[in-house]
Amino acid sequence: MPGIGKKAMDAVLAVTDELMSCVREDFEPNEGVYRINDRGDYVSEEDWETVWANHPAWWQDAGCSPTTGSSHPRT
């Protein structure tokens, strides 16, 4: 099965740049957060959902791989 293509995947991965503007150091107790990269940058669940809501629904699945260690929820 062919992949989605470099141009499409680059667009999906560019969402990380949008998420970088939401990175925070501190969160409320029990606040849902997502790690967006291997450097340990985290965004709130609310910011995560807001950013991804501006893009096609399938992009989130394409950009979040359990094998990369990125974009996993941490609660």
C-alpha atoms as a PDB file:
ATOM      1  CA  MET A   1       0.000   0.000   0.000  1.00  0.00           C
ATOM      2  CA  PRO A   2       1.524   3.367  -0.986  1.00  0.00           C
ATOM      3  CA  GLY A   3       2.155   6.063   1.607  1.00  0.00           C
ATOM      4  CA  ILE A   4       0.336   9.375   1.733  1.00  0.00           C
ATOM      5  CA  GLY A   5       3.139  11.237  -0.005  1.00  0.00           C
ATOM      6  CA  LYS A   6       5.871  13.563   1.165  1.00  0.00           C
ATOM      7  CA  LYS A   7       3.917  16.781   0.596  1.00  0.00           C
ATOM      8  CA  ALA A   8       0.950  15.530   2.627  1.00  0.00           C
ATOM      9  CA  MET A   9       3.140  14.159   5.422  1.00  0.00           C
ATOM     10  CA  ASP A  10       5.133  17.408   5.596  1.00  0.00           C
ATOM     11  CA  ALA A  11       1.851  19.298   6.053  1.00  0.00           C
ATOM     12  CA  VAL A  12       0.821  16.945   8.858  1.00  0.00           C
ATOM     13  CA  LEU A  13       4.171  17.273  10.616  1.00  0.00           C
ATOM     14  CA  ALA A  14       4.048  21.072  10.307  1.00  0.00           C
ATOM     15  CA  VAL A  15       1.310  20.994  12.944  1.00  0.00           C
ATOM     16  CA  THR A  16       4.132  20.444  15.443  1.00  0.00           C
ATOM     17  CA  ASP A  17       5.237  24.016  14.726  1.00  0.00           C
ATOM     18  CA  GLU A  18       1.767  25.227  15.683  1.00  0.00           C
ATOM     19  CA  LEU A  19       1.853  23.140  18.847  1.00  0.00           C
ATOM     20  CA  MET A  20       5.266  24.565  19.810  1.00  0.00           C
ATOM     21  CA  SER A  21       3.600  27.925  20.434  1.00  0.00           C
ATOM     22  CA  CYS A  22       1.492  26.191  23.111  1.00  0.00           C
ATOM     23  CA  VAL A  23       4.379  24.539  25.023  1.00  0.00           C
ATOM     24  CA  ARG A  24       4.258  25.079  28.786  1.00  0.00           C
ATOM     25  CA  GLU A  25       6.375  24.037  31.739  1.00  0.00           C
ATOM     26  CA  ASP A  26       3.630  23.873  34.368  1.00  0.00           C
ATOM     27  CA  PHE A  27       0.228  22.225  34.363  1.00  0.00           C
ATOM     28  CA  GLU A  28      -2.597  21.834  36.837  1.00  0.00           C
ATOM     29  CA  PRO A  29      -2.747  18.570  38.806  1.00  0.00           C
ATOM     30  CA  ASN A  30      -4.480  15.884  36.731  1.00  0.00           C
ATOM     31  CA  GLU A  31      -4.575  18.173  33.676  1.00  0.00           C
ATOM     32  CA  GLY A  32      -4.258  16.178  30.476  1.00  0.00           C
ATOM     33  CA  VAL A  33      -1.058  16.907  28.565  1.00  0.00           C
ATOM     34  CA  TYR A  34       0.615  15.633  25.397  1.00  0.00           C
ATOM     35  CA  ARG A  35       4.319  15.314  24.663  1.00  0.00           C
ATOM     36  CA  ILE A  36       4.928  16.747  21.210  1.00  0.00           C
ATOM     37  CA  ASN A  37       8.547  15.747  20.636  1.00  0.00           C
ATOM     38  CA  ASP A  38      11.475  13.798  22.016  1.00  0.00           C
ATOM     39  CA  ARG A  39      12.848  16.876  23.836  1.00  0.00           C
ATOM     40  CA  GLY A  40      10.079  16.631  26.397  1.00  0.00           C
ATOM     41  CA  ASP A  41       7.974  19.594  25.284  1.00  0.00           C
ATOM     42  CA  TYR A  42       4.391  19.312  26.519  1.00  0.00           C
ATOM     43  CA  VAL A  43       1.114  21.025  25.642  1.00  0.00           C
ATOM     44  CA  SER A  44      -2.218  20.887  27.419  1.00  0.00           C
ATOM     45  CA  GLU A  45      -4.906  18.560  26.162  1.00  0.00           C
ATOM     46  CA  GLU A  46      -7.086  21.601  25.478  1.00  0.00           C
ATOM     47  CA  ASP A  47      -4.407  23.249  23.308  1.00  0.00           C
ATOM     48  CA  TRP A  48      -3.737  19.927  21.554  1.00  0.00           C
ATOM     49  CA  GLU A  49      -7.403  19.517  20.646  1.00  0.00           C
ATOM     50  CA  THR A  50      -7.742  23.164  19.571  1.00  0.00           C
ATOM     51  CA  VAL A  51      -4.781  22.971  17.191  1.00  0.00           C
ATOM     52  CA  TRP A  52      -5.777  19.630  15.660  1.00  0.00           C
ATOM     53  CA  ALA A  53      -9.399  20.811  15.236  1.00  0.00           C
ATOM     54  CA  ASN A  54      -8.140  23.186  12.531  1.00  0.00           C
ATOM     55  CA  HIS A  55      -6.944  20.300  10.348  1.00  0.00           C
ATOM     56  CA  PRO A  56      -8.424  17.200   8.678  1.00  0.00           C
ATOM     57  CA  ALA A  57      -9.252  14.555  11.287  1.00  0.00           C
ATOM     58  CA  TRP A  58      -6.952  11.906   9.752  1.00  0.00           C
ATOM     59  CA  TRP A  59      -3.884  14.160  10.128  1.00  0.00           C
ATOM     60  CA  GLN A  60      -3.679  13.515  13.865  1.00  0.00           C
ATOM     61  CA  ASP A  61      -3.453   9.758  13.322  1.00  0.00           C
ATOM     62  CA  ALA A  62      -0.850  10.208  10.578  1.00  0.00           C
ATOM     63  CA  GLY A  63       1.314  12.478  12.714  1.00  0.00           C
ATOM     64  CA  CYS A  64       1.167  10.547  15.980  1.00  0.00           C
ATOM     65  CA  SER A  65       3.095   7.322  15.982  1.00  0.00           C
ATOM     66  CA  PRO A  66       3.667   5.182  19.084  1.00  0.00           C
ATOM     67  CA  THR A  67       7.015   4.177  17.588  1.00  0.00           C
ATOM     68  CA  THR A  68       8.358   7.748  17.498  1.00  0.00           C
ATOM     69  CA  GLY A  69       7.738   8.440  21.161  1.00  0.00           C
ATOM     70  CA  SER A  70       5.975  11.676  20.282  1.00  0.00           C
ATOM     71  CA  SER A  71       2.463  12.869  20.895  1.00  0.00           C
ATOM     72  CA  HIS A  72       1.550  10.468  23.657  1.00  0.00           C
ATOM     73  CA  PRO A  73      -0.870  11.570  26.360  1.00  0.00           C
ATOM     74  CA  ARG A  74       0.497  12.032  29.872  1.00  0.00           C
ATOM     75  CA  THR A  75      -1.969  12.484  32.694  1.00  0.00           C
END
